[in-house]
Amino acid sequence: MKTPNSTVTLVVPSEFEFDKIKDEWEEIWWDGSMLHADLHLTRHMEGDEKMIDGNRMLKYVLEMGAGGCDQHDAERLLKQQDTIPEDWKSFTLLFTDTIWRDKKGFLYYPCLADNGEGKWEIGFYCLSLGFGSICPSRIVWKLAL
């Protein structure tokens, strides 16, 4: 599936609205840099690759360096979901600069997905499930303004 070239501009954030600490999760990574940004999608698998496991995904994200989006960005985008490009709706959008660990030790990325009725919803994608073509996803990345 081709990654769209479209972008969306975010408005300025506040605190986490969907705070997982109340569920006894631990926030193990958050990079709150770059508040003003245009967002675009990037592919996390190579060529015709069908699946990538969670550990490899973590390594890939770390190798990409600064510029990924975090949960604040996901929540900001959710509030302005009418600006999300139409060509992003076929993907689960991953916000890889926030990582949560639940009580059992599983790691999660915040994500946004279209609910099939034209509304986006926030969720938390477990890295142990891996990432593949059954649930196509893309990493949301920042282009500095």
C-alpha atoms as a PDB file:
ATOM      1  CA  MET A   1       0.000   0.000   0.000  1.00  0.00           C
ATOM      2  CA  LYS A   2       1.504   3.350  -1.049  1.00  0.00           C
ATOM      3  CA  THR A   3       2.260   5.889   1.678  1.00  0.00           C
ATOM      4  CA  PRO A   4       0.428   9.199   1.091  1.00  0.00           C
ATOM      5  CA  ASN A   5       2.449  12.385   0.563  1.00  0.00           C
ATOM      6  CA  SER A   6      -0.159  14.656   2.171  1.00  0.00           C
ATOM      7  CA  THR A   7       0.507  16.620   5.387  1.00  0.00           C
ATOM      8  CA  VAL A   8      -1.513  18.163   8.235  1.00  0.00           C
ATOM      9  CA  THR A   9      -0.560  21.090  10.526  1.00  0.00           C
ATOM     10  CA  LEU A  10      -1.075  20.683  14.298  1.00  0.00           C
ATOM     11  CA  VAL A  11      -2.351  23.251  16.800  1.00  0.00           C
ATOM     12  CA  VAL A  12      -0.566  23.820  20.163  1.00  0.00           C
ATOM     13  CA  PRO A  13      -1.106  21.135  22.929  1.00  0.00           C
ATOM     14  CA  SER A  14      -1.796  20.933  26.649  1.00  0.00           C
ATOM     15  CA  GLU A  15      -1.500  17.816  28.879  1.00  0.00           C
ATOM     16  CA  PHE A  16      -2.352  14.197  27.991  1.00  0.00           C
ATOM     17  CA  GLU A  17      -6.090  13.785  27.725  1.00  0.00           C
ATOM     18  CA  PHE A  18      -5.843   9.984  27.551  1.00  0.00           C
ATOM     19  CA  ASP A  19      -3.435   9.514  30.472  1.00  0.00           C
ATOM     20  CA  LYS A  20      -2.644   5.825  30.979  1.00  0.00           C
ATOM     21  CA  ILE A  21      -1.003   6.425  34.384  1.00  0.00           C
ATOM     22  CA  LYS A  22      -4.471   6.101  35.935  1.00  0.00           C
ATOM     23  CA  ASP A  23      -4.508   2.517  34.558  1.00  0.00           C
ATOM     24  CA  GLU A  24      -1.228   1.892  36.412  1.00  0.00           C
ATOM     25  CA  TRP A  25       0.819   2.093  33.230  1.00  0.00           C
ATOM     26  CA  GLU A  26       4.269   3.626  33.229  1.00  0.00           C
ATOM     27  CA  GLU A  27       5.278   6.193  30.625  1.00  0.00           C
ATOM     28  CA  ILE A  28       8.783   5.116  29.597  1.00  0.00           C
ATOM     29  CA  TRP A  29       9.434   7.539  26.763  1.00  0.00           C
ATOM     30  CA  TRP A  30       8.084  10.887  25.667  1.00  0.00           C
ATOM     31  CA  ASP A  31       9.885  13.418  23.490  1.00  0.00           C
ATOM     32  CA  GLY A  32       7.882  16.622  23.803  1.00  0.00           C
ATOM     33  CA  SER A  33       9.984  18.617  21.374  1.00  0.00           C
ATOM     34  CA  MET A  34       8.766  20.642  18.383  1.00  0.00           C
ATOM     35  CA  LEU A  35       5.275  21.880  19.262  1.00  0.00           C
ATOM     36  CA  HIS A  36       4.529  23.468  15.877  1.00  0.00           C
ATOM     37  CA  ALA A  37       4.841  21.047  12.999  1.00  0.00           C
ATOM     38  CA  ASP A  38       3.430  19.739   9.776  1.00  0.00           C
ATOM     39  CA  LEU A  39       2.864  15.995   9.921  1.00  0.00           C
ATOM     40  CA  HIS A  40       3.386  13.368   7.250  1.00  0.00           C
ATOM     41  CA  LEU A  41       3.388   9.570   7.176  1.00  0.00           C
ATOM     42  CA  THR A  42       6.398   7.314   6.797  1.00  0.00           C
ATOM     43  CA  ARG A  43       6.534   3.606   6.000  1.00  0.00           C
ATOM     44  CA  HIS A  44       8.218   1.328   8.549  1.00  0.00           C
ATOM     45  CA  MET A  45       8.608  -1.812   6.448  1.00  0.00           C
ATOM     46  CA  GLU A  46      10.951  -2.355   3.546  1.00  0.00           C
ATOM     47  CA  GLY A  47       9.914  -3.264   0.010  1.00  0.00           C
ATOM     48  CA  ASP A  48       7.324  -6.040  -0.046  1.00  0.00           C
ATOM     49  CA  GLU A  49       7.814  -6.916   3.634  1.00  0.00           C
ATOM     50  CA  LYS A  50       4.534  -8.160   5.147  1.00  0.00           C
ATOM     51  CA  MET A  51       5.322  -8.030   8.880  1.00  0.00           C
ATOM     52  CA  ILE A  52       7.703  -6.367  11.337  1.00  0.00           C
ATOM     53  CA  ASP A  53       7.927  -7.429  14.987  1.00  0.00           C
ATOM     54  CA  GLY A  54       7.754  -4.970  17.879  1.00  0.00           C
ATOM     55  CA  ASN A  55      11.447  -5.173  18.819  1.00  0.00           C
ATOM     56  CA  ARG A  56      12.514  -4.458  15.263  1.00  0.00           C
ATOM     57  CA  MET A  57      10.015  -1.587  15.145  1.00  0.00           C
ATOM     58  CA  LEU A  58      11.546  -0.057  18.292  1.00  0.00           C
ATOM     59  CA  LYS A  59      15.008  -0.339  16.749  1.00  0.00           C
ATOM     60  CA  TYR A  60      13.778   1.200  13.489  1.00  0.00           C
ATOM     61  CA  VAL A  61      12.216   4.167  15.320  1.00  0.00           C
ATOM     62  CA  LEU A  62      15.410   4.776  17.336  1.00  0.00           C
ATOM     63  CA  GLU A  63      17.483   4.680  14.138  1.00  0.00           C
ATOM     64  CA  MET A  64      15.171   7.265  12.545  1.00  0.00           C
ATOM     65  CA  GLY A  65      16.152   9.736  15.283  1.00  0.00           C
ATOM     66  CA  ALA A  66      14.320  12.912  16.266  1.00  0.00           C
ATOM     67  CA  GLY A  67      11.147  13.928  14.494  1.00  0.00           C
ATOM     68  CA  GLY A  68       8.630  11.295  15.447  1.00  0.00           C
ATOM     69  CA  CYS A  69       5.271  12.264  16.918  1.00  0.00           C
ATOM     70  CA  ASP A  70       4.116  11.599  20.468  1.00  0.00           C
ATOM     71  CA  GLN A  71       0.824  11.130  22.308  1.00  0.00           C
ATOM     72  CA  HIS A  72       0.338  14.893  22.633  1.00  0.00           C
ATOM     73  CA  ASP A  73       0.448  15.075  18.838  1.00  0.00           C
ATOM     74  CA  ALA A  74      -2.074  12.224  18.579  1.00  0.00           C
ATOM     75  CA  GLU A  75      -4.455  13.997  20.946  1.00  0.00           C
ATOM     76  CA  ARG A  76      -4.022  17.310  19.125  1.00  0.00           C
ATOM     77  CA  LEU A  77      -4.702  15.625  15.804  1.00  0.00           C
ATOM     78  CA  LEU A  78      -7.756  13.858  17.261  1.00  0.00           C
ATOM     79  CA  LYS A  79      -9.190  17.254  18.270  1.00  0.00           C
ATOM     80  CA  GLN A  80      -8.724  18.552  14.736  1.00  0.00           C
ATOM     81  CA  GLN A  81      -9.549  15.310  12.947  1.00  0.00           C
ATOM     82  CA  ASP A  82     -11.423  17.138  10.215  1.00  0.00           C
ATOM     83  CA  THR A  83      -7.957  18.197   8.927  1.00  0.00           C
ATOM     84  CA  ILE A  84      -6.648  14.622   8.588  1.00  0.00           C
ATOM     85  CA  PRO A  85      -6.102  13.902   4.889  1.00  0.00           C
ATOM     86  CA  GLU A  86      -8.539  11.446   3.324  1.00  0.00           C
ATOM     87  CA  ASP A  87      -5.674   9.275   2.069  1.00  0.00           C
ATOM     88  CA  TRP A  88      -4.560   8.566   5.675  1.00  0.00           C
ATOM     89  CA  LYS A  89      -7.827   6.801   6.594  1.00  0.00           C
ATOM     90  CA  SER A  90      -6.676   3.397   5.386  1.00  0.00           C
ATOM     91  CA  PHE A  91      -3.871   3.333   7.991  1.00  0.00           C
ATOM     92  CA  THR A  92      -3.508   3.058  11.739  1.00  0.00           C
ATOM     93  CA  LEU A  93      -1.417   6.118  12.632  1.00  0.00           C
ATOM     94  CA  LEU A  94       1.419   5.345  15.073  1.00  0.00           C
ATOM     95  CA  PHE A  95       2.811   7.981  17.437  1.00  0.00           C
ATOM     96  CA  THR A  96       6.152   6.408  18.313  1.00  0.00           C
ATOM     97  CA  ASP A  97       7.698   9.107  20.520  1.00  0.00           C
ATOM     98  CA  THR A  98       5.562   8.019  23.459  1.00  0.00           C
ATOM     99  CA  ILE A  99       5.854   4.453  24.741  1.00  0.00           C
ATOM    100  CA  TRP A 100       3.719   3.071  27.557  1.00  0.00           C
ATOM    101  CA  ARG A 101       4.324  -0.098  29.616  1.00  0.00           C
ATOM    102  CA  ASP A 102       1.287  -1.785  31.175  1.00  0.00           C
ATOM    103  CA  LYS A 103       1.190  -3.684  34.495  1.00  0.00           C
ATOM    104  CA  LYS A 104       2.174  -6.926  32.754  1.00  0.00           C
ATOM    105  CA  GLY A 105       5.201  -5.337  31.051  1.00  0.00           C
ATOM    106  CA  PHE A 106       3.783  -5.054  27.521  1.00  0.00           C
ATOM    107  CA  LEU A 107       4.810  -1.968  25.505  1.00  0.00           C
ATOM    108  CA  TYR A 108       2.355   0.232  23.592  1.00  0.00           C
ATOM    109  CA  TYR A 109       2.410   3.105  21.125  1.00  0.00           C
ATOM    110  CA  PRO A 110      -0.476   5.571  21.092  1.00  0.00           C
ATOM    111  CA  CYS A 111      -2.287   5.359  17.753  1.00  0.00           C
ATOM    112  CA  LEU A 112      -5.216   6.808  15.866  1.00  0.00           C
ATOM    113  CA  ALA A 113      -7.488   4.780  13.629  1.00  0.00           C
ATOM    114  CA  ASP A 114     -10.573   5.578  11.592  1.00  0.00           C
ATOM    115  CA  ASN A 115     -13.523   3.754  13.188  1.00  0.00           C
ATOM    116  CA  GLY A 116     -15.113   3.044   9.795  1.00  0.00           C
ATOM    117  CA  GLU A 117     -17.810   5.659  10.372  1.00  0.00           C
ATOM    118  CA  GLY A 118     -15.675   8.679   9.500  1.00  0.00           C
ATOM    119  CA  LYS A 119     -14.437   9.349  13.049  1.00  0.00           C
ATOM    120  CA  TRP A 120     -10.913   8.867  14.360  1.00  0.00           C
ATOM    121  CA  GLU A 121     -10.341   7.212  17.745  1.00  0.00           C
ATOM    122  CA  ILE A 122      -7.274   7.009  19.945  1.00  0.00           C
ATOM    123  CA  GLY A 123      -5.982   3.632  21.037  1.00  0.00           C
ATOM    124  CA  PHE A 124      -2.816   1.987  22.263  1.00  0.00           C
ATOM    125  CA  TYR A 125      -1.151  -0.567  19.968  1.00  0.00           C
ATOM    126  CA  CYS A 126       0.725  -3.395  21.684  1.00  0.00           C
ATOM    127  CA  LEU A 127       4.173  -3.838  20.168  1.00  0.00           C
ATOM    128  CA  SER A 128       4.126  -7.603  20.852  1.00  0.00           C
ATOM    129  CA  LEU A 129       1.411  -7.964  18.179  1.00  0.00           C
ATOM    130  CA  GLY A 130       3.844  -6.836  15.490  1.00  0.00           C
ATOM    131  CA  PHE A 131       2.995  -4.596  12.576  1.00  0.00           C
ATOM    132  CA  GLY A 132       1.848  -5.891   9.237  1.00  0.00           C
ATOM    133  CA  SER A 133      -0.448  -5.822   6.256  1.00  0.00           C
ATOM    134  CA  ILE A 134      -3.529  -7.112   8.135  1.00  0.00           C
ATOM    135  CA  CYS A 135      -3.665  -3.806  10.026  1.00  0.00           C
ATOM    136  CA  PRO A 136      -1.736  -1.395   7.769  1.00  0.00           C
ATOM    137  CA  SER A 137       0.007   1.283   9.797  1.00  0.00           C
ATOM    138  CA  ARG A 138       2.283   4.240   9.240  1.00  0.00           C
ATOM    139  CA  ILE A 139       4.472   6.255  11.589  1.00  0.00           C
ATOM    140  CA  VAL A 140       3.423   9.887  11.892  1.00  0.00           C
ATOM    141  CA  TRP A 141       6.477  12.108  11.452  1.00  0.00           C
ATOM    142  CA  LYS A 142       7.109  15.849  11.906  1.00  0.00           C
ATOM    143  CA  LEU A 143       8.315  18.305   9.311  1.00  0.00           C
ATOM    144  CA  ALA A 144       9.579  21.392  11.156  1.00  0.00           C
ATOM    145  CA  LEU A 145       7.849  24.669  10.294  1.00  0.00           C
END
